[in-house]
Amino acid sequence: MQEKHLFEYAVIRVVPRVEREEFLNVGVIMYCAAKGFLQTRFALNEARLRAFSADLDLEEVMERLHAFERICGGRATGGTIGQLPVASRFRWLTATRSTIVQTSPVHPGLCTDAPETLERLYAQLVL
């Protein structure tokens, strides 16, 4: 039997109007310390987002989501935050915000294969 590792994840949400507290799940970010794993998966459903707000700037939303991706990847492309250790990057990305792109509270779990677990969470929580 394969060894199970603790992982943490949060759902990435687009909140077109923060004051209304309505959101659409668009992605998942997952961190597994034992594997040094930090990745995100996301997709925008333009029609569903337009139902929340017809004037939503989807290019801005995509840029913010791509920033999550760059920070997860680390290195210079992730900017100053991308240079931090993996755990610090996850904590920074999942910190509470009052912006158009937010994350859910962080949830724990156990996995044997981090990339497969990320795909499963993405399919269950976003698609």
Protein backbone atom coordinates (compact mmCIF):
# COMPACT_ATOMS: atom_id res chain seq x y z
CA MET A 1 0.00 0.00 0.00
CA GLN A 2 1.31 3.44 -0.91
CA GLU A 3 2.06 5.96 1.78
CA LYS A 4 -0.54 8.70 2.25
CA HIS A 5 0.55 12.31 2.57
CA LEU A 6 -1.23 15.25 4.16
CA PHE A 7 -2.33 17.87 1.64
CA GLU A 8 -4.23 21.14 1.86
CA TYR A 9 -6.41 22.75 -0.75
CA ALA A 10 -8.64 25.74 -1.31
CA VAL A 11 -11.21 26.49 -3.98
CA ILE A 12 -10.51 29.58 -6.09
CA ARG A 13 -13.61 31.69 -6.55
CA VAL A 14 -14.55 34.66 -8.69
CA VAL A 15 -16.65 37.12 -6.70
CA PRO A 16 -17.94 39.67 -9.24
CA ARG A 17 -19.63 41.84 -6.62
CA VAL A 18 -17.96 41.43 -3.25
CA GLU A 19 -20.83 43.14 -1.43
CA ARG A 20 -23.32 40.50 -2.66
CA GLU A 21 -21.12 37.59 -1.55
CA GLU A 22 -22.07 35.57 -4.65
CA PHE A 23 -19.28 33.55 -6.23
CA LEU A 24 -18.44 30.98 -8.87
CA ASN A 25 -15.85 28.26 -8.28
CA VAL A 26 -13.24 28.55 -11.03
CA GLY A 27 -10.26 26.63 -9.73
CA VAL A 28 -8.42 24.72 -7.02
CA ILE A 29 -5.03 25.30 -5.44
CA MET A 30 -3.36 22.36 -3.71
CA TYR A 31 -0.29 22.06 -1.48
CA CYS A 32 1.41 18.86 -0.26
CA ALA A 33 4.45 19.58 1.92
CA ALA A 34 5.78 16.01 1.82
CA LYS A 35 5.96 16.14 -1.98
CA GLY A 36 6.93 19.81 -2.31
CA PHE A 37 3.81 20.09 -4.46
CA LEU A 38 2.02 23.39 -5.10
CA GLN A 39 -0.18 23.66 -8.17
CA THR A 40 -3.41 25.17 -9.33
CA ARG A 41 -5.99 24.27 -11.96
CA PHE A 42 -8.63 26.69 -13.18
CA ALA A 43 -11.07 27.40 -15.99
CA LEU A 44 -13.48 30.25 -16.60
CA ASN A 45 -17.02 29.60 -17.71
CA GLU A 46 -17.66 32.93 -19.39
CA ALA A 47 -21.43 32.46 -19.75
CA ARG A 48 -21.89 31.63 -16.07
CA LEU A 49 -19.74 34.57 -14.99
CA ARG A 50 -21.66 36.95 -17.27
CA ALA A 51 -24.86 35.82 -15.50
CA PHE A 52 -23.40 37.29 -12.29
CA SER A 53 -22.13 40.49 -13.87
CA ALA A 54 -22.40 41.53 -17.51
CA ASP A 55 -19.64 44.12 -17.13
CA LEU A 56 -17.07 41.79 -15.54
CA ASP A 57 -13.57 42.26 -16.98
CA LEU A 58 -12.68 38.67 -17.88
CA GLU A 59 -9.17 39.63 -19.02
CA GLU A 60 -8.43 41.00 -15.56
CA VAL A 61 -9.82 37.85 -13.94
CA MET A 62 -7.68 35.64 -16.20
CA GLU A 63 -4.58 37.71 -15.38
CA ARG A 64 -5.23 37.23 -11.66
CA LEU A 65 -5.66 33.48 -12.15
CA HIS A 66 -2.46 33.30 -14.19
CA ALA A 67 -0.72 35.11 -11.31
CA PHE A 68 -1.76 32.19 -9.06
CA GLU A 69 -0.17 29.84 -11.59
CA ARG A 70 3.08 31.85 -11.78
CA ILE A 71 3.37 32.08 -7.99
CA CYS A 72 2.77 28.34 -7.63
CA GLY A 73 5.56 27.73 -10.13
CA GLY A 74 7.94 29.90 -8.15
CA ARG A 75 11.10 31.30 -9.68
CA ALA A 76 11.44 34.84 -11.01
CA THR A 77 8.23 34.57 -13.06
CA GLY A 78 6.31 34.43 -9.78
CA GLY A 79 7.66 37.81 -8.68
CA THR A 80 8.62 38.51 -5.08
CA ILE A 81 6.02 36.09 -3.70
CA GLY A 82 7.21 33.39 -6.11
CA GLN A 83 10.64 33.50 -4.44
CA LEU A 84 9.21 32.46 -1.06
CA PRO A 85 9.30 28.84 0.18
CA VAL A 86 6.45 26.65 -1.09
CA ALA A 87 4.50 26.72 2.20
CA SER A 88 4.69 30.51 2.37
CA ARG A 89 3.48 30.85 -1.22
CA PHE A 90 0.46 28.65 -0.45
CA ARG A 91 -0.36 30.65 2.69
CA TRP A 92 -0.05 33.93 0.77
CA LEU A 93 -2.28 32.70 -2.07
CA THR A 94 -4.96 31.42 0.32
CA ALA A 95 -4.97 34.45 2.64
CA THR A 96 -8.37 36.12 3.14
CA ARG A 97 -9.06 38.86 0.59
CA SER A 98 -11.88 41.18 -0.40
CA THR A 99 -11.15 41.19 -4.11
CA ILE A 100 -12.74 39.75 -7.22
CA VAL A 101 -10.63 36.55 -6.97
CA GLN A 102 -10.73 34.87 -3.56
CA THR A 103 -10.14 31.44 -2.06
CA SER A 104 -12.30 29.32 0.19
CA PRO A 105 -11.08 28.34 3.63
CA VAL A 106 -8.25 25.79 3.48
CA HIS A 107 -9.25 22.14 3.80
CA PRO A 108 -6.97 19.17 4.62
CA GLY A 109 -6.90 15.65 3.22
CA LEU A 110 -4.68 12.64 2.57
CA CYS A 111 -3.38 11.57 -0.81
CA THR A 112 -0.99 9.12 -2.41
CA ASP A 113 -0.70 10.95 -5.75
CA ALA A 114 -0.81 14.76 -5.51
CA PRO A 115 -1.35 15.56 -9.23
CA GLU A 116 -4.16 13.01 -9.49
CA THR A 117 -5.78 14.39 -6.32
CA LEU A 118 -5.65 17.92 -7.74
CA GLU A 119 -7.39 16.72 -10.91
CA ARG A 120 -10.07 14.92 -8.87
CA LEU A 121 -10.73 18.00 -6.72
CA TYR A 122 -10.87 20.19 -9.83
CA ALA A 123 -13.42 17.87 -11.45
CA GLN A 124 -15.57 17.66 -8.30
CA LEU A 125 -15.48 21.30 -7.22
CA VAL A 126 -15.16 23.29 -10.45
CA LEU A 127 -16.37 21.38 -13.50
